[in-house]
């Protein structure tokens, strides 16, 4: 993953992709007691599957959205923010925690 972080083009999106994958895996394994069970589609408990899928989607987006906000701000205001750390500091100082989820329901 160090190579991914050092790459100049697309580094932020690669980090976000890794975070989303890790978050999805963590939530999915938490919701499934035994993740090595093979379930046929005919025997699938559809309401439970839909609820678990929606929960994974919501938690995944909730965790990854601040990373997307930081990435987009750094790309749009390239000269103003030399690093992701400065984006986070300034965003938190000016808008607070709500600034990281600004536009969440629109997206």
PDB file of N, CA and C in Angstrom:
ATOM      1  N   UNK A   1       0.811  -1.186   0.000  1.00  0.00           N
ATOM      2  CA  UNK A   1       0.000   0.000   0.000  1.00  0.00           C
ATOM      3  C   UNK A   1       0.858   1.254   0.000  1.00  0.00           C
ATOM      4  N   UNK A   2       2.110   1.153   0.423  1.00  0.00           N
ATOM      5  CA  UNK A   2       3.003   2.302   0.406  1.00  0.00           C
ATOM      6  C   UNK A   2       3.207   2.810  -1.007  1.00  0.00           C
ATOM      7  N   UNK A   3       3.292   1.887  -1.979  1.00  0.00           N
ATOM      8  CA  UNK A   3       3.443   2.295  -3.365  1.00  0.00           C
ATOM      9  C   UNK A   3       2.210   3.061  -3.826  1.00  0.00           C
ATOM     10  N   UNK A   4       1.051   2.651  -3.340  1.00  0.00           N
ATOM     11  CA  UNK A   4      -0.193   3.334  -3.711  1.00  0.00           C
ATOM     12  C   UNK A   4      -0.203   4.749  -3.160  1.00  0.00           C
ATOM     13  N   UNK A   5       0.265   4.927  -1.937  1.00  0.00           N
ATOM     14  CA  UNK A   5       0.270   6.249  -1.326  1.00  0.00           C
ATOM     15  C   UNK A   5       1.291   7.167  -1.981  1.00  0.00           C
ATOM     16  N   UNK A   6       2.384   6.614  -2.508  1.00  0.00           N
ATOM     17  CA  UNK A   6       3.431   7.428  -3.093  1.00  0.00           C
ATOM     18  C   UNK A   6       3.151   7.812  -4.528  1.00  0.00           C
ATOM     19  N   UNK A   7       2.261   7.116  -5.185  1.00  0.00           N
ATOM     20  CA  UNK A   7       1.964   7.426  -6.575  1.00  0.00           C
ATOM     21  C   UNK A   7       1.359   8.820  -6.661  1.00  0.00           C
ATOM     22  N   UNK A   8       1.781   9.593  -7.673  1.00  0.00           N
ATOM     23  CA  UNK A   8       1.293  10.964  -7.776  1.00  0.00           C
ATOM     24  C   UNK A   8      -0.116  11.032  -8.322  1.00  0.00           C
ATOM     25  N   UNK A   9      -0.418  10.291  -9.363  1.00  0.00           N
ATOM     26  CA  UNK A   9      -1.741  10.392  -9.961  1.00  0.00           C
ATOM     27  C   UNK A   9      -2.650   9.319  -9.396  1.00  0.00           C
ATOM     28  N   UNK A  10      -3.795   9.758  -8.915  1.00  0.00           N
ATOM     29  CA  UNK A  10      -4.786   8.820  -8.406  1.00  0.00           C
ATOM     30  C   UNK A  10      -4.495   8.280  -7.024  1.00  0.00           C
ATOM     31  N   UNK A  11      -3.564   8.873  -6.303  1.00  0.00           N
ATOM     32  CA  UNK A  11      -3.215   8.318  -4.995  1.00  0.00           C
ATOM     33  C   UNK A  11      -4.368   8.432  -4.006  1.00  0.00           C
ATOM     34  N   UNK A  12      -5.075   9.544  -4.024  1.00  0.00           N
ATOM     35  CA  UNK A  12      -6.177   9.699  -3.076  1.00  0.00           C
ATOM     36  C   UNK A  12      -7.307   8.728  -3.386  1.00  0.00           C
ATOM     37  N   UNK A  13      -7.607   8.526  -4.659  1.00  0.00           N
ATOM     38  CA  UNK A  13      -8.686   7.604  -4.994  1.00  0.00           C
ATOM     39  C   UNK A  13      -8.296   6.169  -4.671  1.00  0.00           C
ATOM     40  N   UNK A  14      -7.016   5.829  -4.775  1.00  0.00           N
ATOM     41  CA  UNK A  14      -6.571   4.491  -4.417  1.00  0.00           C
ATOM     42  C   UNK A  14      -6.720   4.258  -2.921  1.00  0.00           C
ATOM     43  N   UNK A  15      -6.384   5.261  -2.133  1.00  0.00           N
ATOM     44  CA  UNK A  15      -6.520   5.149  -0.685  1.00  0.00           C
ATOM     45  C   UNK A  15      -7.994   5.005  -0.318  1.00  0.00           C
ATOM     46  N   UNK A  16      -8.858   5.779  -0.969  1.00  0.00           N
ATOM     47  CA  UNK A  16     -10.294   5.693  -0.696  1.00  0.00           C
ATOM     48  C   UNK A  16     -10.806   4.319  -1.087  1.00  0.00           C
ATOM     49  N   UNK A  17     -10.330   3.788  -2.212  1.00  0.00           N
ATOM     50  CA  UNK A  17     -10.742   2.452  -2.635  1.00  0.00           C
ATOM     51  C   UNK A  17     -10.362   1.400  -1.619  1.00  0.00           C
ATOM     52  N   UNK A  18      -9.143   1.498  -1.074  1.00  0.00           N
ATOM     53  CA  UNK A  18      -8.709   0.551  -0.042  1.00  0.00           C
ATOM     54  C   UNK A  18      -9.550   0.696   1.219  1.00  0.00           C
ATOM     55  N   UNK A  19      -9.871   1.931   1.594  1.00  0.00           N
ATOM     56  CA  UNK A  19     -10.680   2.165   2.790  1.00  0.00           C
ATOM     57  C   UNK A  19     -12.081   1.600   2.623  1.00  0.00           C
ATOM     58  N   UNK A  20     -12.657   1.780   1.435  1.00  0.00           N
ATOM     59  CA  UNK A  20     -13.995   1.251   1.195  1.00  0.00           C
ATOM     60  C   UNK A  20     -13.993  -0.269   1.242  1.00  0.00           C
ATOM     61  N   UNK A  21     -12.989  -0.892   0.639  1.00  0.00           N
ATOM     62  CA  UNK A  21     -12.908  -2.348   0.656  1.00  0.00           C
ATOM     63  C   UNK A  21     -12.743  -2.865   2.070  1.00  0.00           C
ATOM     64  N   UNK A  22     -11.876  -2.235   2.845  1.00  0.00           N
ATOM     65  CA  UNK A  22     -11.652  -2.663   4.223  1.00  0.00           C
ATOM     66  C   UNK A  22     -12.910  -2.477   5.062  1.00  0.00           C
ATOM     67  N   UNK A  23     -13.603  -1.348   4.872  1.00  0.00           N
ATOM     68  CA  UNK A  23     -14.825  -1.098   5.637  1.00  0.00           C
ATOM     69  C   UNK A  23     -15.911  -2.104   5.266  1.00  0.00           C
ATOM     70  N   UNK A  24     -16.059  -2.380   3.986  1.00  0.00           N
ATOM     71  CA  UNK A  24     -17.074  -3.344   3.552  1.00  0.00           C
ATOM     72  C   UNK A  24     -16.789  -4.723   4.124  1.00  0.00           C
ATOM     73  N   UNK A  25     -15.525  -5.131   4.080  1.00  0.00           N
ATOM     74  CA  UNK A  25     -15.153  -6.445   4.587  1.00  0.00           C
ATOM     75  C   UNK A  25     -15.394  -6.531   6.095  1.00  0.00           C
ATOM     76  N   UNK A  26     -15.021  -5.464   6.836  1.00  0.00           N
ATOM     77  CA  UNK A  26     -15.193  -5.472   8.286  1.00  0.00           C
ATOM     78  C   UNK A  26     -16.660  -5.553   8.672  1.00  0.00           C
ATOM     79  N   UNK A  27     -17.499  -4.787   7.998  1.00  0.00           N
ATOM     80  CA  UNK A  27     -18.931  -4.805   8.310  1.00  0.00           C
ATOM     81  C   UNK A  27     -19.534  -6.143   7.924  1.00  0.00           C
ATOM     82  N   UNK A  28     -19.170  -6.660   6.757  1.00  0.00           N
ATOM     83  CA  UNK A  28     -19.739  -7.921   6.294  1.00  0.00           C
ATOM     84  C   UNK A  28     -19.367  -9.074   7.226  1.00  0.00           C
ATOM     85  N   UNK A  29     -18.098  -9.150   7.645  1.00  0.00           N
ATOM     86  CA  UNK A  29     -17.690 -10.235   8.535  1.00  0.00           C
ATOM     87  C   UNK A  29     -18.298 -10.075   9.921  1.00  0.00           C
ATOM     88  N   UNK A  30     -18.588  -8.828  10.330  1.00  0.00           N
ATOM     89  CA  UNK A  30     -19.258  -8.606  11.615  1.00  0.00           C
ATOM     90  C   UNK A  30     -20.700  -9.079  11.551  1.00  0.00           C
ATOM     91  N   UNK A  31     -21.364  -8.829  10.426  1.00  0.00           N
ATOM     92  CA  UNK A  31     -22.761  -9.223  10.289  1.00  0.00           C
ATOM     93  C   UNK A  31     -22.923 -10.725  10.087  1.00  0.00           C
ATOM     94  N   UNK A  32     -21.916 -11.377   9.549  1.00  0.00           N
ATOM     95  CA  UNK A  32     -21.985 -12.814   9.300  1.00  0.00           C
ATOM     96  C   UNK A  32     -21.175 -13.541  10.365  1.00  0.00           C
ATOM     97  N   UNK A  33     -21.807 -14.345  11.171  1.00  0.00           N
ATOM     98  CA  UNK A  33     -21.111 -15.052  12.244  1.00  0.00           C
ATOM     99  C   UNK A  33     -20.080 -16.021  11.679  1.00  0.00           C
ATOM    100  N   UNK A  34     -20.457 -16.790  10.684  1.00  0.00           N
ATOM    101  CA  UNK A  34     -19.539 -17.737  10.060  1.00  0.00           C
ATOM    102  C   UNK A  34     -19.445 -17.391   8.581  1.00  0.00           C
ATOM    103  N   UNK A  35     -18.379 -16.695   8.197  1.00  0.00           N
ATOM    104  CA  UNK A  35     -18.272 -16.183   6.831  1.00  0.00           C
ATOM    105  C   UNK A  35     -17.856 -17.251   5.819  1.00  0.00           C
ATOM    106  N   UNK A  36     -17.624 -18.484   6.251  1.00  0.00           N
ATOM    107  CA  UNK A  36     -17.198 -19.538   5.332  1.00  0.00           C
ATOM    108  C   UNK A  36     -18.352 -20.463   4.929  1.00  0.00           C
ATOM    109  N   UNK A  37     -19.554 -20.083   5.203  1.00  0.00           N
ATOM    110  CA  UNK A  37     -20.711 -20.892   4.875  1.00  0.00           C
ATOM    111  C   UNK A  37     -21.148 -20.578   3.451  1.00  0.00           C
ATOM    112  N   UNK A  38     -21.390 -21.606   2.664  1.00  0.00           N
ATOM    113  CA  UNK A  38     -21.870 -21.433   1.298  1.00  0.00           C
ATOM    114  C   UNK A  38     -23.394 -21.530   1.312  1.00  0.00           C
ATOM    115  N   UNK A  39     -24.065 -20.478   0.842  1.00  0.00           N
ATOM    116  CA  UNK A  39     -25.528 -20.437   0.842  1.00  0.00           C
ATOM    117  C   UNK A  39     -26.005 -20.382  -0.603  1.00  0.00           C
ATOM    118  N   UNK A  40     -26.901 -21.271  -0.944  1.00  0.00           N
ATOM    119  CA  UNK A  40     -27.494 -21.263  -2.278  1.00  0.00           C
ATOM    120  C   UNK A  40     -28.526 -20.138  -2.352  1.00  0.00           C
ATOM    121  N   UNK A  41     -28.703 -19.571  -3.523  1.00  0.00           N
ATOM    122  CA  UNK A  41     -29.654 -18.482  -3.692  1.00  0.00           C
ATOM    123  C   UNK A  41     -31.074 -18.907  -3.319  1.00  0.00           C
ATOM    124  N   UNK A  42     -31.420 -20.149  -3.573  1.00  0.00           N
ATOM    125  CA  UNK A  42     -32.762 -20.630  -3.259  1.00  0.00           C
ATOM    126  C   UNK A  42     -33.023 -20.670  -1.746  1.00  0.00           C
ATOM    127  N   UNK A  43     -31.962 -20.838  -0.951  1.00  0.00           N
ATOM    128  CA  UNK A  43     -32.109 -20.934   0.499  1.00  0.00           C
ATOM    129  C   UNK A  43     -31.747 -19.635   1.220  1.00  0.00           C
ATOM    130  N   UNK A  44     -31.560 -18.571   0.473  1.00  0.00           N
ATOM    131  CA  UNK A  44     -31.144 -17.301   1.042  1.00  0.00           C
ATOM    132  C   UNK A  44     -32.321 -16.612   1.743  1.00  0.00           C
ATOM    133  N   UNK A  45     -32.070 -16.120   2.929  1.00  0.00           N
ATOM    134  CA  UNK A  45     -33.067 -15.351   3.663  1.00  0.00           C
ATOM    135  C   UNK A  45     -33.043 -13.928   3.093  1.00  0.00           C
ATOM    136  N   UNK A  46     -33.959 -13.646   2.168  1.00  0.00           N
ATOM    137  CA  UNK A  46     -33.939 -12.400   1.411  1.00  0.00           C
ATOM    138  C   UNK A  46     -34.035 -11.144   2.281  1.00  0.00           C
ATOM    139  N   UNK A  47     -34.950 -11.048   3.247  1.00  0.00           N
ATOM    140  CA  UNK A  47     -34.997  -9.828   4.072  1.00  0.00           C
ATOM    141  C   UNK A  47     -33.693  -9.583   4.846  1.00  0.00           C
ATOM    142  N   UNK A  48     -33.114 -10.631   5.366  1.00  0.00           N
ATOM    143  CA  UNK A  48     -31.850 -10.503   6.102  1.00  0.00           C
ATOM    144  C   UNK A  48     -30.725 -10.070   5.162  1.00  0.00           C
ATOM    145  N   UNK A  49     -30.703 -10.631   3.952  1.00  0.00           N
ATOM    146  CA  UNK A  49     -29.689 -10.278   2.960  1.00  0.00           C
ATOM    147  C   UNK A  49     -29.818  -8.816   2.543  1.00  0.00           C
ATOM    148  N   UNK A  50     -31.044  -8.363   2.310  1.00  0.00           N
ATOM    149  CA  UNK A  50     -31.267  -6.977   1.898  1.00  0.00           C
ATOM    150  C   UNK A  50     -30.877  -6.026   3.025  1.00  0.00           C
ATOM    151  N   UNK A  51     -31.263  -6.340   4.250  1.00  0.00           N
ATOM    152  CA  UNK A  51     -30.896  -5.491   5.390  1.00  0.00           C
ATOM    153  C   UNK A  51     -29.384  -5.417   5.577  1.00  0.00           C
ATOM    154  N   UNK A  52     -28.720  -6.550   5.453  1.00  0.00           N
ATOM    155  CA  UNK A  52     -27.256  -6.568   5.588  1.00  0.00           C
ATOM    156  C   UNK A  52     -26.602  -5.780   4.461  1.00  0.00           C
ATOM    157  N   UNK A  53     -27.122  -5.899   3.252  1.00  0.00           N
ATOM    158  CA  UNK A  53     -26.563  -5.163   2.109  1.00  0.00           C
ATOM    159  C   UNK A  53     -26.725  -3.663   2.283  1.00  0.00           C
ATOM    160  N   UNK A  54     -27.894  -3.244   2.727  1.00  0.00           N
ATOM    161  CA  UNK A  54     -28.135  -1.817   2.957  1.00  0.00           C
ATOM    162  C   UNK A  54     -27.243  -1.308   4.084  1.00  0.00           C
ATOM    163  N   UNK A  55     -27.091  -2.079   5.140  1.00  0.00           N
ATOM    164  CA  UNK A  55     -26.235  -1.678   6.261  1.00  0.00           C
ATOM    165  C   UNK A  55     -24.782  -1.528   5.815  1.00  0.00           C
ATOM    166  N   UNK A  56     -24.289  -2.466   5.034  1.00  0.00           N
ATOM    167  CA  UNK A  56     -22.906  -2.389   4.533  1.00  0.00           C
ATOM    168  C   UNK A  56     -22.738  -1.153   3.656  1.00  0.00           C
ATOM    169  N   UNK A  57     -23.702  -0.906   2.786  1.00  0.00           N
ATOM    170  CA  UNK A  57     -23.633   0.249   1.890  1.00  0.00           C
ATOM    171  C   UNK A  57     -23.602   1.555   2.682  1.00  0.00           C
ATOM    172  N   UNK A  58     -24.488   1.694   3.665  1.00  0.00           N
ATOM    173  CA  UNK A  58     -24.557   2.931   4.442  1.00  0.00           C
ATOM    174  C   UNK A  58     -23.297   3.160   5.282  1.00  0.00           C
ATOM    175  N   UNK A  59     -22.829   2.124   5.950  1.00  0.00           N
ATOM    176  CA  UNK A  59     -21.624   2.261   6.769  1.00  0.00           C
ATOM    177  C   UNK A  59     -20.409   2.540   5.890  1.00  0.00           C
ATOM    178  N   UNK A  60     -20.328   1.866   4.764  1.00  0.00           N
ATOM    179  CA  UNK A  60     -19.219   2.065   3.826  1.00  0.00           C
ATOM    180  C   UNK A  60     -19.182   3.512   3.357  1.00  0.00           C
ATOM    181  N   UNK A  61     -20.322   4.043   2.932  1.00  0.00           N
ATOM    182  CA  UNK A  61     -20.367   5.428   2.471  1.00  0.00           C
ATOM    183  C   UNK A  61     -20.116   6.407   3.606  1.00  0.00           C
ATOM    184  N   UNK A  62     -20.631   6.109   4.788  1.00  0.00           N
ATOM    185  CA  UNK A  62     -20.439   6.986   5.931  1.00  0.00           C
ATOM    186  C   UNK A  62     -18.957   7.091   6.308  1.00  0.00           C
ATOM    187  N   UNK A  63     -18.226   5.984   6.198  1.00  0.00           N
ATOM    188  CA  UNK A  63     -16.792   5.995   6.526  1.00  0.00           C
ATOM    189  C   UNK A  63     -15.943   6.604   5.416  1.00  0.00           C
ATOM    190  N   UNK A  64     -16.326   6.392   4.170  1.00  0.00           N
ATOM    191  CA  UNK A  64     -15.489   6.822   3.051  1.00  0.00           C
ATOM    192  C   UNK A  64     -15.762   8.259   2.607  1.00  0.00           C
ATOM    193  N   UNK A  65     -16.942   8.796   2.883  1.00  0.00           N
ATOM    194  CA  UNK A  65     -17.296  10.125   2.386  1.00  0.00           C
ATOM    195  C   UNK A  65     -16.322  11.219   2.822  1.00  0.00           C
ATOM    196  N   UNK A  66     -15.885  11.265   4.089  1.00  0.00           N
ATOM    197  CA  UNK A  66     -14.901  12.295   4.460  1.00  0.00           C
ATOM    198  C   UNK A  66     -13.604  12.205   3.648  1.00  0.00           C
ATOM    199  N   UNK A  67     -13.191  10.991   3.291  1.00  0.00           N
ATOM    200  CA  UNK A  67     -11.990  10.850   2.466  1.00  0.00           C
ATOM    201  C   UNK A  67     -12.213  11.438   1.079  1.00  0.00           C
ATOM    202  N   UNK A  68     -13.407  11.236   0.540  1.00  0.00           N
ATOM    203  CA  UNK A  68     -13.732  11.816  -0.768  1.00  0.00           C
ATOM    204  C   UNK A  68     -13.758  13.336  -0.690  1.00  0.00           C
ATOM    205  N   UNK A  69     -14.293  13.899   0.390  1.00  0.00           N
ATOM    206  CA  UNK A  69     -14.354  15.355   0.557  1.00  0.00           C
ATOM    207  C   UNK A  69     -12.936  15.924   0.588  1.00  0.00           C
ATOM    208  N   UNK A  70     -12.062  15.305   1.345  1.00  0.00           N
ATOM    209  CA  UNK A  70     -10.670  15.759   1.433  1.00  0.00           C
ATOM    210  C   UNK A  70      -9.992  15.664   0.063  1.00  0.00           C
ATOM    211  N   UNK A  71     -10.200  14.566  -0.638  1.00  0.00           N
ATOM    212  CA  UNK A  71      -9.596  14.378  -1.962  1.00  0.00           C
ATOM    213  C   UNK A  71     -10.073  15.437  -2.947  1.00  0.00           C
ATOM    214  N   UNK A  72     -11.369  15.679  -2.984  1.00  0.00           N
ATOM    215  CA  UNK A  72     -11.929  16.641  -3.934  1.00  0.00           C
ATOM    216  C   UNK A  72     -11.459  18.055  -3.614  1.00  0.00           C
ATOM    217  N   UNK A  73     -11.451  18.404  -2.344  1.00  0.00           N
ATOM    218  CA  UNK A  73     -10.976  19.746  -1.976  1.00  0.00           C
ATOM    219  C   UNK A  73      -9.514  19.938  -2.344  1.00  0.00           C
ATOM    220  N   UNK A  74      -8.718  18.923  -2.147  1.00  0.00           N
ATOM    221  CA  UNK A  74      -7.303  19.042  -2.486  1.00  0.00           C
ATOM    222  C   UNK A  74      -7.119  19.158  -3.996  1.00  0.00           C
ATOM    223  N   UNK A  75      -7.936  18.465  -4.769  1.00  0.00           N
ATOM    224  CA  UNK A  75      -7.834  18.546  -6.220  1.00  0.00           C
ATOM    225  C   UNK A  75      -8.333  19.893  -6.747  1.00  0.00           C
ATOM    226  N   UNK A  76      -9.431  20.394  -6.192  1.00  0.00           N
ATOM    227  CA  UNK A  76     -10.012  21.642  -6.683  1.00  0.00           C
ATOM    228  C   UNK A  76      -9.201  22.869  -6.283  1.00  0.00           C
ATOM    229  N   UNK A  77      -8.646  22.856  -5.093  1.00  0.00           N
ATOM    230  CA  UNK A  77      -7.872  23.984  -4.590  1.00  0.00           C
ATOM    231  C   UNK A  77      -6.407  23.581  -4.453  1.00  0.00           C
ATOM    232  N   UNK A  78      -5.822  23.155  -5.562  1.00  0.00           N
ATOM    233  CA  UNK A  78      -4.476  22.577  -5.564  1.00  0.00           C
ATOM    234  C   UNK A  78      -3.433  23.486  -4.915  1.00  0.00           C
ATOM    235  N   UNK A  79      -3.409  24.762  -5.241  1.00  0.00           N
ATOM    236  CA  UNK A  79      -2.394  25.664  -4.695  1.00  0.00           C
ATOM    237  C   UNK A  79      -2.636  26.032  -3.247  1.00  0.00           C
ATOM    238  N   UNK A  80      -3.871  25.930  -2.811  1.00  0.00           N
ATOM    239  CA  UNK A  80      -4.237  26.350  -1.469  1.00  0.00           C
ATOM    240  C   UNK A  80      -3.952  25.274  -0.410  1.00  0.00           C
ATOM    241  N   UNK A  81      -4.009  24.014  -0.813  1.00  0.00           N
ATOM    242  CA  UNK A  81      -3.820  22.905   0.126  1.00  0.00           C
ATOM    243  C   UNK A  81      -2.654  22.034  -0.345  1.00  0.00           C
ATOM    244  N   UNK A  82      -1.479  22.168   0.266  1.00  0.00           N
ATOM    245  CA  UNK A  82      -0.336  21.358  -0.164  1.00  0.00           C
ATOM    246  C   UNK A  82      -0.430  19.885   0.260  1.00  0.00           C
ATOM    247  N   UNK A  83      -1.237  19.590   1.278  1.00  0.00           N
ATOM    248  CA  UNK A  83      -1.346  18.201   1.734  1.00  0.00           C
ATOM    249  C   UNK A  83      -2.750  17.929   2.239  1.00  0.00           C
ATOM    250  N   UNK A  84      -3.060  16.645   2.370  1.00  0.00           N
ATOM    251  CA  UNK A  84      -4.366  16.254   2.892  1.00  0.00           C
ATOM    252  C   UNK A  84      -4.525  16.705   4.343  1.00  0.00           C
ATOM    253  N   UNK A  85      -3.435  16.753   5.058  1.00  0.00           N
ATOM    254  CA  UNK A  85      -3.487  17.180   6.463  1.00  0.00           C
ATOM    255  C   UNK A  85      -3.972  18.623   6.590  1.00  0.00           C
ATOM    256  N   UNK A  86      -3.489  19.498   5.706  1.00  0.00           N
ATOM    257  CA  UNK A  86      -3.931  20.890   5.759  1.00  0.00           C
ATOM    258  C   UNK A  86      -5.411  21.010   5.391  1.00  0.00           C
ATOM    259  N   UNK A  87      -5.876  20.168   4.477  1.00  0.00           N
ATOM    260  CA  UNK A  87      -7.306  20.156   4.129  1.00  0.00           C
ATOM    261  C   UNK A  87      -8.125  19.787   5.358  1.00  0.00           C
ATOM    262  N   UNK A  88      -7.726  18.730   6.045  1.00  0.00           N
ATOM    263  CA  UNK A  88      -8.458  18.262   7.225  1.00  0.00           C
ATOM    264  C   UNK A  88      -8.453  19.331   8.307  1.00  0.00           C
ATOM    265  N   UNK A  89      -7.305  19.927   8.573  1.00  0.00           N
ATOM    266  CA  UNK A  89      -7.209  20.940   9.625  1.00  0.00           C
ATOM    267  C   UNK A  89      -8.080  22.151   9.320  1.00  0.00           C
ATOM    268  N   UNK A  90      -7.986  22.632   8.097  1.00  0.00           N
ATOM    269  CA  UNK A  90      -8.752  23.833   7.738  1.00  0.00           C
ATOM    270  C   UNK A  90     -10.255  23.544   7.673  1.00  0.00           C
ATOM    271  N   UNK A  91     -10.611  22.402   7.126  1.00  0.00           N
ATOM    272  CA  UNK A  91     -12.023  22.033   7.037  1.00  0.00           C
ATOM    273  C   UNK A  91     -12.632  21.906   8.430  1.00  0.00           C
ATOM    274  N   UNK A  92     -11.915  21.270   9.334  1.00  0.00           N
ATOM    275  CA  UNK A  92     -12.413  21.103  10.701  1.00  0.00           C
ATOM    276  C   UNK A  92     -12.490  22.446  11.431  1.00  0.00           C
ATOM    277  N   UNK A  93     -11.488  23.294  11.218  1.00  0.00           N
ATOM    278  CA  UNK A  93     -11.457  24.600  11.889  1.00  0.00           C
ATOM    279  C   UNK A  93     -12.603  25.498  11.390  1.00  0.00           C
ATOM    280  N   UNK A  94     -12.873  25.477  10.072  1.00  0.00           N
ATOM    281  CA  UNK A  94     -13.879  26.381   9.511  1.00  0.00           C
ATOM    282  C   UNK A  94     -15.306  25.850   9.609  1.00  0.00           C
ATOM    283  N   UNK A  95     -15.509  24.550   9.400  1.00  0.00           N
ATOM    284  CA  UNK A  95     -16.861  24.003   9.340  1.00  0.00           C
ATOM    285  C   UNK A  95     -17.163  22.964  10.407  1.00  0.00           C
ATOM    286  N   UNK A  96     -16.153  22.536  11.135  1.00  0.00           N
ATOM    287  CA  UNK A  96     -16.361  21.512  12.153  1.00  0.00           C
ATOM    288  C   UNK A  96     -16.547  20.136  11.523  1.00  0.00           C
ATOM    289  N   UNK A  97     -17.035  19.212  12.316  1.00  0.00           N
ATOM    290  CA  UNK A  97     -17.223  17.833  11.854  1.00  0.00           C
ATOM    291  C   UNK A  97     -18.254  17.756  10.726  1.00  0.00           C
ATOM    292  N   UNK A  98     -19.234  18.649  10.740  1.00  0.00           N
ATOM    293  CA  UNK A  98     -20.264  18.654   9.696  1.00  0.00           C
ATOM    294  C   UNK A  98     -19.676  18.940   8.314  1.00  0.00           C
ATOM    295  N   UNK A  99     -18.541  19.627   8.264  1.00  0.00           N
ATOM    296  CA  UNK A  99     -17.912  19.938   6.988  1.00  0.00           C
ATOM    297  C   UNK A  99     -17.462  18.712   6.221  1.00  0.00           C
ATOM    298  N   UNK A 100     -17.140  17.643   6.923  1.00  0.00           N
ATOM    299  CA  UNK A 100     -16.697  16.410   6.274  1.00  0.00           C
ATOM    300  C   UNK A 100     -17.855  15.656   5.614  1.00  0.00           C
ATOM    301  N   UNK A 101     -19.077  15.975   6.026  1.00  0.00           N
ATOM    302  CA  UNK A 101     -20.256  15.303   5.457  1.00  0.00           C
ATOM    303  C   UNK A 101     -21.140  16.276   4.675  1.00  0.00           C
ATOM    304  N   UNK A 102     -20.596  17.438   4.360  1.00  0.00           N
ATOM    305  CA  UNK A 102     -21.342  18.426   3.586  1.00  0.00           C
ATOM    306  C   UNK A 102     -21.614  17.869   2.192  1.00  0.00           C
ATOM    307  N   UNK A 103     -22.871  17.816   1.810  1.00  0.00           N
ATOM    308  CA  UNK A 103     -23.257  17.257   0.521  1.00  0.00           C
ATOM    309  C   UNK A 103     -23.470  15.752   0.531  1.00  0.00           C
ATOM    310  N   UNK A 104     -23.443  15.134   1.706  1.00  0.00           N
ATOM    311  CA  UNK A 104     -23.574  13.674   1.818  1.00  0.00           C
ATOM    312  C   UNK A 104     -24.906  13.180   1.247  1.00  0.00           C
ATOM    313  N   UNK A 105     -25.988  13.867   1.588  1.00  0.00           N
ATOM    314  CA  UNK A 105     -27.297  13.392   1.145  1.00  0.00           C
ATOM    315  C   UNK A 105     -27.572  13.725  -0.315  1.00  0.00           C
ATOM    316  N   UNK A 106     -26.833  14.667  -0.870  1.00  0.00           N
ATOM    317  CA  UNK A 106     -26.975  14.980  -2.293  1.00  0.00           C
ATOM    318  C   UNK A 106     -26.272  13.926  -3.128  1.00  0.00           C
ATOM    319  N   UNK A 107     -25.120  13.490  -2.653  1.00  0.00           N
ATOM    320  CA  UNK A 107     -24.340  12.496  -3.396  1.00  0.00           C
ATOM    321  C   UNK A 107     -24.978  11.156  -3.232  1.00  0.00           C
TER     322      UNK A 107
END
